[in-house]
Amino acid sequence: MKLVVILALTIGCCVTVSGQALSNRQLAHLKLSAAERRELIKRLQLFVEYEKTQAYDKQFELLAKHHLANLLHMHVNKESYVKFKQQTEAAAGKVLELRVKDIKRMAEHEGGFEFNVLLKLQKDGRVYSDTPIFAGYLVNGAWYFSMLYIN
């Protein structure tokens, strides 16, 4: 069974995300301003915290809503997102860790970034990993993200 899970967030200095530190050095090749890097890291940290604590109503504020709506072919509001996330966690398990391995600019989308991400999930007592499709969008100085993985 394939399960499509879409998550999104607003992400950009040095912060630890589930045991992994993202540094300015790691982000230097993206040619972002210092403020954009700080915001990227801050928002990523929030997204992961909200994911782990099932604070999906708060996570909704970090969501690239247009991208999620296009992928799901439906209007996305806070209530539908929270319900979707609860169903997703029931099917795929709880996210234990999100590790960013690399970030690259998207050639086809100005302000878009591809993230090479490794997820560690737990379901029914078993821990497993998944490599989702993770994208970030820098819009008017703010970062919005979406994550898609197939289980």
N, C-alpha and C. Protein backbone atom coordinates (compact mmCIF):
# COMPACT_ATOMS: atom_id res chain seq x y z
N MET A 1 0.84 -1.17 0.00
CA MET A 1 0.00 0.00 0.00
C MET A 1 0.88 1.23 0.00
N LYS A 2 0.57 2.13 -0.88
CA LYS A 2 1.32 3.38 -0.93
C LYS A 2 0.54 4.44 -0.17
N LEU A 3 1.24 5.15 0.65
CA LEU A 3 0.64 6.22 1.41
C LEU A 3 1.39 7.49 1.07
N VAL A 4 0.68 8.45 0.61
CA VAL A 4 1.29 9.72 0.29
C VAL A 4 1.09 10.64 1.48
N VAL A 5 2.17 11.12 1.99
CA VAL A 5 2.11 11.99 3.14
C VAL A 5 2.75 13.31 2.77
N ILE A 6 2.04 14.34 2.98
CA ILE A 6 2.53 15.65 2.62
C ILE A 6 2.55 16.52 3.86
N LEU A 7 3.68 17.05 4.12
CA LEU A 7 3.85 17.95 5.23
C LEU A 7 4.48 19.21 4.69
N ALA A 8 4.25 20.29 5.31
CA ALA A 8 4.88 21.49 4.83
C ALA A 8 5.26 22.36 6.01
N LEU A 9 6.23 23.23 5.76
CA LEU A 9 6.67 24.07 6.83
C LEU A 9 7.33 25.33 6.35
N THR A 10 7.45 26.23 7.24
CA THR A 10 8.25 27.41 7.02
C THR A 10 9.58 27.20 7.70
N ILE A 11 10.71 27.28 6.98
CA ILE A 11 12.02 27.03 7.57
C ILE A 11 12.95 28.27 7.50
N GLY A 12 15.53 28.54 7.63
CA GLY A 12 16.69 29.34 7.48
C GLY A 12 17.65 29.51 8.49
N CYS A 13 21.28 30.05 10.45
CA CYS A 13 22.25 30.08 11.46
C CYS A 13 22.36 28.73 12.05
N CYS A 14 22.65 28.52 13.16
CA CYS A 14 23.01 27.16 13.56
C CYS A 14 22.04 26.66 14.63
N VAL A 15 21.29 25.64 14.34
CA VAL A 15 20.28 25.08 15.22
C VAL A 15 20.36 23.57 15.13
N THR A 16 20.06 22.90 16.21
CA THR A 16 20.04 21.44 16.19
C THR A 16 18.64 20.96 15.89
N VAL A 17 18.52 20.07 14.93
CA VAL A 17 17.24 19.47 14.55
C VAL A 17 17.38 17.98 14.78
N SER A 18 16.74 17.48 15.82
CA SER A 18 16.79 16.05 16.14
C SER A 18 18.22 15.51 16.17
N GLY A 19 19.08 16.22 16.85
CA GLY A 19 20.44 15.74 16.99
C GLY A 19 21.38 16.16 15.87
N GLN A 20 20.88 16.86 14.89
CA GLN A 20 21.72 17.28 13.77
C GLN A 20 21.81 18.79 13.77
N ALA A 21 23.01 19.33 13.71
CA ALA A 21 23.19 20.77 13.65
C ALA A 21 23.30 21.21 12.19
N LEU A 22 22.47 22.15 11.82
CA LEU A 22 22.62 22.81 10.52
C LEU A 22 23.42 24.07 10.78
N SER A 23 24.44 24.29 10.00
CA SER A 23 25.30 25.44 10.23
C SER A 23 25.26 26.39 9.04
N ASN A 24 25.72 27.60 9.29
CA ASN A 24 25.83 28.57 8.20
C ASN A 24 26.74 28.03 7.11
N ARG A 25 27.76 27.30 7.49
CA ARG A 25 28.69 26.73 6.51
C ARG A 25 27.97 25.75 5.59
N GLN A 26 27.10 24.94 6.18
CA GLN A 26 26.33 23.97 5.40
C GLN A 26 25.40 24.66 4.40
N LEU A 27 24.95 25.86 4.75
CA LEU A 27 23.99 26.58 3.92
C LEU A 27 24.63 27.62 3.02
N ALA A 28 25.95 27.83 3.14
CA ALA A 28 26.63 28.91 2.42
C ALA A 28 26.47 28.80 0.91
N HIS A 29 26.47 27.60 0.36
CA HIS A 29 26.39 27.42 -1.09
C HIS A 29 25.04 27.86 -1.67
N LEU A 30 24.05 28.09 -0.81
CA LEU A 30 22.72 28.49 -1.29
C LEU A 30 22.63 29.98 -1.59
N LYS A 31 23.64 30.72 -1.18
CA LYS A 31 23.70 32.16 -1.42
C LYS A 31 22.47 32.87 -0.85
N LEU A 32 22.21 32.58 0.41
CA LEU A 32 21.12 33.22 1.13
C LEU A 32 21.70 34.27 2.07
N SER A 33 20.89 35.26 2.41
CA SER A 33 21.35 36.25 3.38
C SER A 33 21.41 35.58 4.76
N ALA A 34 22.12 36.22 5.68
CA ALA A 34 22.23 35.69 7.03
C ALA A 34 20.85 35.58 7.67
N ALA A 35 20.00 36.55 7.43
CA ALA A 35 18.64 36.51 7.98
C ALA A 35 17.83 35.35 7.40
N GLU A 36 17.98 35.09 6.12
CA GLU A 36 17.27 33.96 5.49
C GLU A 36 17.76 32.62 6.04
N ARG A 37 19.06 32.51 6.29
CA ARG A 37 19.61 31.28 6.87
C ARG A 37 19.10 31.07 8.29
N ARG A 38 19.11 32.14 9.09
CA ARG A 38 18.61 32.04 10.47
C ARG A 38 17.14 31.61 10.48
N GLU A 39 16.37 32.21 9.60
CA GLU A 39 14.94 31.89 9.52
C GLU A 39 14.73 30.45 9.07
N LEU A 40 15.52 30.00 8.13
CA LEU A 40 15.44 28.62 7.65
C LEU A 40 15.61 27.64 8.80
N ILE A 41 16.63 27.81 9.57
CA ILE A 41 16.92 26.90 10.68
C ILE A 41 15.86 27.01 11.76
N LYS A 42 15.48 28.22 12.09
CA LYS A 42 14.46 28.43 13.13
C LYS A 42 13.16 27.73 12.76
N ARG A 43 12.72 27.90 11.53
CA ARG A 43 11.44 27.33 11.12
C ARG A 43 11.50 25.81 10.97
N LEU A 44 12.64 25.30 10.54
CA LEU A 44 12.79 23.85 10.46
C LEU A 44 12.69 23.24 11.85
N GLN A 45 13.33 23.87 12.79
CA GLN A 45 13.28 23.38 14.17
C GLN A 45 11.85 23.38 14.69
N LEU A 46 11.10 24.43 14.41
CA LEU A 46 9.69 24.48 14.82
C LEU A 46 8.87 23.38 14.15
N PHE A 47 9.07 23.20 12.86
CA PHE A 47 8.33 22.17 12.14
C PHE A 47 8.53 20.79 12.76
N VAL A 48 9.78 20.46 13.05
CA VAL A 48 10.09 19.15 13.62
C VAL A 48 9.48 19.03 15.01
N GLU A 49 9.57 20.07 15.81
CA GLU A 49 8.97 20.06 17.14
C GLU A 49 7.46 19.83 17.05
N TYR A 50 6.80 20.55 16.17
CA TYR A 50 5.34 20.40 16.01
C TYR A 50 4.98 19.02 15.49
N GLU A 51 5.80 18.47 14.63
CA GLU A 51 5.55 17.13 14.10
C GLU A 51 5.65 16.10 15.22
N LYS A 52 6.69 16.21 16.03
CA LYS A 52 6.90 15.24 17.11
C LYS A 52 5.84 15.33 18.20
N THR A 53 5.31 16.53 18.44
CA THR A 53 4.32 16.72 19.50
C THR A 53 2.89 16.72 18.98
N GLN A 54 2.73 16.41 17.70
CA GLN A 54 1.42 16.37 17.04
C GLN A 54 0.68 17.71 17.16
N ALA A 55 1.40 18.82 17.17
CA ALA A 55 0.82 20.17 17.21
C ALA A 55 0.54 20.62 15.78
N TYR A 56 -0.35 19.88 15.11
CA TYR A 56 -0.60 20.10 13.69
C TYR A 56 -1.29 21.43 13.43
N ASP A 57 -2.06 21.94 14.39
CA ASP A 57 -2.69 23.24 14.22
C ASP A 57 -1.63 24.34 14.15
N LYS A 58 -0.56 24.21 14.93
CA LYS A 58 0.56 25.17 14.87
C LYS A 58 1.38 24.94 13.60
N GLN A 59 1.57 23.68 13.25
CA GLN A 59 2.35 23.36 12.06
C GLN A 59 1.69 23.91 10.79
N PHE A 60 0.39 24.01 10.80
CA PHE A 60 -0.34 24.53 9.65
C PHE A 60 0.16 25.91 9.25
N GLU A 61 0.56 26.71 10.22
CA GLU A 61 1.06 28.06 9.93
C GLU A 61 2.39 28.03 9.19
N LEU A 62 3.06 26.90 9.20
CA LEU A 62 4.36 26.74 8.54
C LEU A 62 4.22 26.06 7.17
N LEU A 63 3.02 25.85 6.74
CA LEU A 63 2.72 25.03 5.58
C LEU A 63 2.72 25.80 4.27
N ALA A 64 3.31 25.21 3.24
CA ALA A 64 3.18 25.73 1.87
C ALA A 64 1.82 25.27 1.36
N LYS A 65 0.79 26.00 1.74
CA LYS A 65 -0.59 25.58 1.53
C LYS A 65 -0.93 25.35 0.06
N HIS A 66 -0.44 26.22 -0.80
CA HIS A 66 -0.73 26.08 -2.24
C HIS A 66 -0.15 24.78 -2.79
N HIS A 67 1.04 24.42 -2.33
CA HIS A 67 1.68 23.20 -2.81
C HIS A 67 0.92 21.98 -2.32
N LEU A 68 0.53 21.97 -1.05
CA LEU A 68 -0.24 20.85 -0.50
C LEU A 68 -1.58 20.73 -1.21
N ALA A 69 -2.24 21.85 -1.43
CA ALA A 69 -3.54 21.83 -2.11
C ALA A 69 -3.40 21.25 -3.52
N ASN A 70 -2.35 21.61 -4.23
CA ASN A 70 -2.12 21.06 -5.58
C ASN A 70 -1.88 19.56 -5.54
N LEU A 71 -1.11 19.10 -4.57
CA LEU A 71 -0.80 17.67 -4.48
C LEU A 71 -2.02 16.84 -4.07
N LEU A 72 -2.86 17.41 -3.21
CA LEU A 72 -4.04 16.68 -2.74
C LEU A 72 -5.28 16.94 -3.59
N HIS A 73 -5.20 17.91 -4.49
CA HIS A 73 -6.33 18.30 -5.34
C HIS A 73 -7.55 18.67 -4.48
N MET A 74 -7.31 19.47 -3.48
CA MET A 74 -8.38 19.92 -2.61
C MET A 74 -8.00 21.22 -1.92
N HIS A 75 -9.01 21.92 -1.41
CA HIS A 75 -8.77 23.12 -0.62
C HIS A 75 -8.24 22.69 0.74
N VAL A 76 -7.24 23.37 1.24
CA VAL A 76 -6.64 23.01 2.53
C VAL A 76 -6.91 24.12 3.53
N ASN A 77 -7.57 23.76 4.62
CA ASN A 77 -7.73 24.67 5.73
C ASN A 77 -7.17 23.99 6.98
N LYS A 78 -7.14 24.71 8.08
CA LYS A 78 -6.52 24.16 9.29
C LYS A 78 -7.21 22.87 9.73
N GLU A 79 -8.51 22.84 9.73
CA GLU A 79 -9.25 21.65 10.18
C GLU A 79 -8.94 20.43 9.30
N SER A 80 -8.95 20.62 7.98
CA SER A 80 -8.67 19.48 7.09
C SER A 80 -7.22 19.04 7.20
N TYR A 81 -6.31 19.98 7.43
CA TYR A 81 -4.90 19.63 7.59
C TYR A 81 -4.67 18.81 8.86
N VAL A 82 -5.25 19.25 9.96
CA VAL A 82 -5.08 18.53 11.23
C VAL A 82 -5.63 17.11 11.09
N LYS A 83 -6.79 16.97 10.48
CA LYS A 83 -7.38 15.64 10.28
C LYS A 83 -6.48 14.78 9.38
N PHE A 84 -5.98 15.37 8.30
CA PHE A 84 -5.08 14.68 7.39
C PHE A 84 -3.83 14.20 8.12
N LYS A 85 -3.24 15.05 8.94
CA LYS A 85 -2.01 14.70 9.67
C LYS A 85 -2.28 13.58 10.67
N GLN A 86 -3.42 13.62 11.35
CA GLN A 86 -3.76 12.56 12.30
C GLN A 86 -3.93 11.23 11.57
N GLN A 87 -4.57 11.24 10.44
CA GLN A 87 -4.74 10.02 9.64
C GLN A 87 -3.40 9.52 9.11
N THR A 88 -2.56 10.45 8.72
CA THR A 88 -1.23 10.10 8.21
C THR A 88 -0.40 9.43 9.29
N GLU A 89 -0.40 10.01 10.49
CA GLU A 89 0.38 9.41 11.57
C GLU A 89 -0.15 8.03 11.93
N ALA A 90 -1.46 7.87 11.92
CA ALA A 90 -2.04 6.55 12.23
C ALA A 90 -1.59 5.51 11.20
N ALA A 91 -1.45 5.92 9.95
CA ALA A 91 -1.07 4.99 8.89
C ALA A 91 0.44 4.77 8.78
N ALA A 92 1.22 5.85 8.92
CA ALA A 92 2.66 5.76 8.66
C ALA A 92 3.50 5.67 9.93
N GLY A 93 2.96 6.13 11.03
CA GLY A 93 3.73 6.13 12.26
C GLY A 93 4.15 7.53 12.66
N LYS A 94 4.80 7.61 13.78
CA LYS A 94 5.24 8.87 14.35
C LYS A 94 6.65 9.20 13.88
N VAL A 95 6.86 10.45 13.51
CA VAL A 95 8.20 10.91 13.12
C VAL A 95 9.04 11.07 14.38
N LEU A 96 10.15 10.35 14.42
CA LEU A 96 11.09 10.44 15.54
C LEU A 96 12.21 11.43 15.25
N GLU A 97 12.60 11.50 13.98
CA GLU A 97 13.74 12.32 13.60
C GLU A 97 13.61 12.74 12.15
N LEU A 98 14.02 13.95 11.87
CA LEU A 98 14.11 14.46 10.51
C LEU A 98 15.52 15.01 10.35
N ARG A 99 16.28 14.43 9.44
CA ARG A 99 17.67 14.83 9.24
C ARG A 99 17.84 15.38 7.82
N VAL A 100 18.27 16.63 7.73
CA VAL A 100 18.56 17.25 6.43
C VAL A 100 19.99 16.91 6.05
N LYS A 101 20.15 16.23 4.91
CA LYS A 101 21.47 15.84 4.45
C LYS A 101 22.06 16.85 3.48
N ASP A 102 21.20 17.49 2.67
CA ASP A 102 21.67 18.43 1.66
C ASP A 102 20.51 19.30 1.22
N ILE A 103 20.82 20.49 0.72
CA ILE A 103 19.81 21.40 0.18
C ILE A 103 20.34 21.97 -1.13
N LYS A 104 19.49 21.97 -2.16
CA LYS A 104 19.86 22.53 -3.47
C LYS A 104 18.75 23.43 -3.98
N ARG A 105 19.14 24.42 -4.76
CA ARG A 105 18.14 25.28 -5.41
C ARG A 105 17.43 24.49 -6.51
N MET A 106 16.15 24.77 -6.68
CA MET A 106 15.39 24.19 -7.79
C MET A 106 15.61 25.05 -9.03
N ALA A 107 15.94 24.42 -10.12
CA ALA A 107 16.15 25.15 -11.37
C ALA A 107 14.83 25.67 -11.92
N GLU A 108 13.77 24.90 -11.74
CA GLU A 108 12.48 25.22 -12.37
C GLU A 108 11.59 26.14 -11.55
N HIS A 109 11.98 26.48 -10.33
CA HIS A 109 11.12 27.31 -9.47
C HIS A 109 11.97 28.33 -8.74
N GLU A 110 11.84 29.59 -9.12
CA GLU A 110 12.60 30.64 -8.44
C GLU A 110 12.15 30.70 -6.98
N GLY A 111 13.10 30.68 -6.08
CA GLY A 111 12.78 30.68 -4.67
C GLY A 111 12.48 29.30 -4.12
N GLY A 112 12.63 28.27 -4.97
CA GLY A 112 12.37 26.90 -4.53
C GLY A 112 13.66 26.17 -4.22
N PHE A 113 13.61 25.28 -3.24
CA PHE A 113 14.78 24.52 -2.81
C PHE A 113 14.39 23.06 -2.59
N GLU A 114 15.26 22.15 -3.02
CA GLU A 114 15.06 20.72 -2.79
C GLU A 114 15.91 20.32 -1.59
N PHE A 115 15.31 19.62 -0.66
CA PHE A 115 15.99 19.14 0.53
C PHE A 115 16.15 17.63 0.43
N ASN A 116 17.35 17.14 0.66
CA ASN A 116 17.59 15.71 0.77
C ASN A 116 17.43 15.40 2.26
N VAL A 117 16.33 14.71 2.59
CA VAL A 117 15.95 14.51 3.99
C VAL A 117 15.81 13.02 4.28
N LEU A 118 16.21 12.63 5.48
CA LEU A 118 16.00 11.27 5.97
C LEU A 118 15.08 11.34 7.18
N LEU A 119 13.98 10.60 7.12
CA LEU A 119 13.04 10.52 8.24
C LEU A 119 13.23 9.21 8.98
N LYS A 120 13.13 9.27 10.30
CA LYS A 120 13.06 8.06 11.10
C LYS A 120 11.66 8.06 11.70
N LEU A 121 10.91 6.96 11.46
CA LEU A 121 9.54 6.85 11.93
C LEU A 121 9.38 5.61 12.81
N GLN A 122 8.33 5.62 13.64
CA GLN A 122 8.02 4.46 14.46
C GLN A 122 6.54 4.13 14.32
N LYS A 123 6.28 2.86 14.03
CA LYS A 123 4.90 2.37 13.91
C LYS A 123 4.85 0.96 14.48
N ASP A 124 3.88 0.74 15.35
CA ASP A 124 3.68 -0.59 15.95
C ASP A 124 4.95 -1.17 16.54
N GLY A 125 5.73 -0.32 17.23
CA GLY A 125 6.94 -0.78 17.89
C GLY A 125 8.15 -0.95 16.99
N ARG A 126 7.97 -0.74 15.71
CA ARG A 126 9.10 -0.91 14.77
C ARG A 126 9.55 0.47 14.29
N VAL A 127 10.86 0.64 14.21
CA VAL A 127 11.45 1.90 13.73
C VAL A 127 11.96 1.66 12.32
N TYR A 128 11.64 2.58 11.42
CA TYR A 128 12.10 2.47 10.05
C TYR A 128 12.43 3.86 9.50
N SER A 129 13.11 3.89 8.38
CA SER A 129 13.50 5.14 7.74
C SER A 129 12.80 5.32 6.41
N ASP A 130 12.64 6.55 6.02
CA ASP A 130 12.06 6.89 4.73
C ASP A 130 12.80 8.12 4.20
N THR A 131 12.89 8.20 2.90
CA THR A 131 13.53 9.35 2.25
C THR A 131 12.44 10.12 1.51
N PRO A 132 11.89 11.14 2.13
CA PRO A 132 10.79 11.87 1.51
C PRO A 132 11.27 12.87 0.46
N ILE A 133 10.34 13.34 -0.30
CA ILE A 133 10.56 14.48 -1.18
C ILE A 133 10.23 15.70 -0.34
N PHE A 134 11.19 16.57 -0.20
CA PHE A 134 11.04 17.71 0.70
C PHE A 134 11.42 18.96 -0.07
N ALA A 135 10.53 19.94 -0.10
CA ALA A 135 10.80 21.17 -0.83
C ALA A 135 10.56 22.37 0.05
N GLY A 136 11.32 23.41 -0.17
CA GLY A 136 11.16 24.67 0.54
C GLY A 136 10.96 25.80 -0.44
N TYR A 137 10.19 26.78 -0.02
CA TYR A 137 9.90 27.94 -0.88
C TYR A 137 10.14 29.20 -0.08
N LEU A 138 11.00 30.05 -0.60
CA LEU A 138 11.28 31.34 0.03
C LEU A 138 10.39 32.37 -0.65
N VAL A 139 9.42 32.88 0.10
CA VAL A 139 8.44 33.83 -0.44
C VAL A 139 8.44 35.08 0.43
N ASN A 140 8.83 36.21 -0.16
CA ASN A 140 8.86 37.48 0.56
C ASN A 140 9.58 37.38 1.91
N GLY A 141 10.72 36.69 1.92
CA GLY A 141 11.54 36.58 3.11
C GLY A 141 11.13 35.49 4.09
N ALA A 142 10.02 34.81 3.80
CA ALA A 142 9.55 33.73 4.69
C ALA A 142 9.70 32.39 3.98
N TRP A 143 9.99 31.37 4.76
CA TRP A 143 10.16 30.02 4.23
C TRP A 143 8.90 29.20 4.45
N TYR A 144 8.47 28.51 3.40
CA TYR A 144 7.34 27.59 3.47
C TYR A 144 7.79 26.27 2.87
N PHE A 145 7.37 25.16 3.47
CA PHE A 145 7.88 23.87 3.05
C PHE A 145 6.79 22.84 2.85
N SER A 146 7.11 21.84 2.04
CA SER A 146 6.23 20.69 1.90
C SER A 146 7.10 19.44 1.84
N MET A 147 6.57 18.38 2.40
CA MET A 147 7.29 17.11 2.44
C MET A 147 6.33 16.02 2.00
N LEU A 148 6.81 15.15 1.13
CA LEU A 148 6.00 14.07 0.59
C LEU A 148 6.79 12.79 0.71
N TYR A 149 6.20 11.80 1.35
CA TYR A 149 6.86 10.50 1.36
C TYR A 149 5.83 9.41 1.10
N ILE A 150 6.33 8.33 0.52
CA ILE A 150 5.48 7.21 0.17
C ILE A 150 5.91 6.04 1.01
N ASN A 151 4.97 5.47 1.70
CA ASN A 151 5.24 4.37 2.62
C ASN A 151 4.71 3.08 2.01
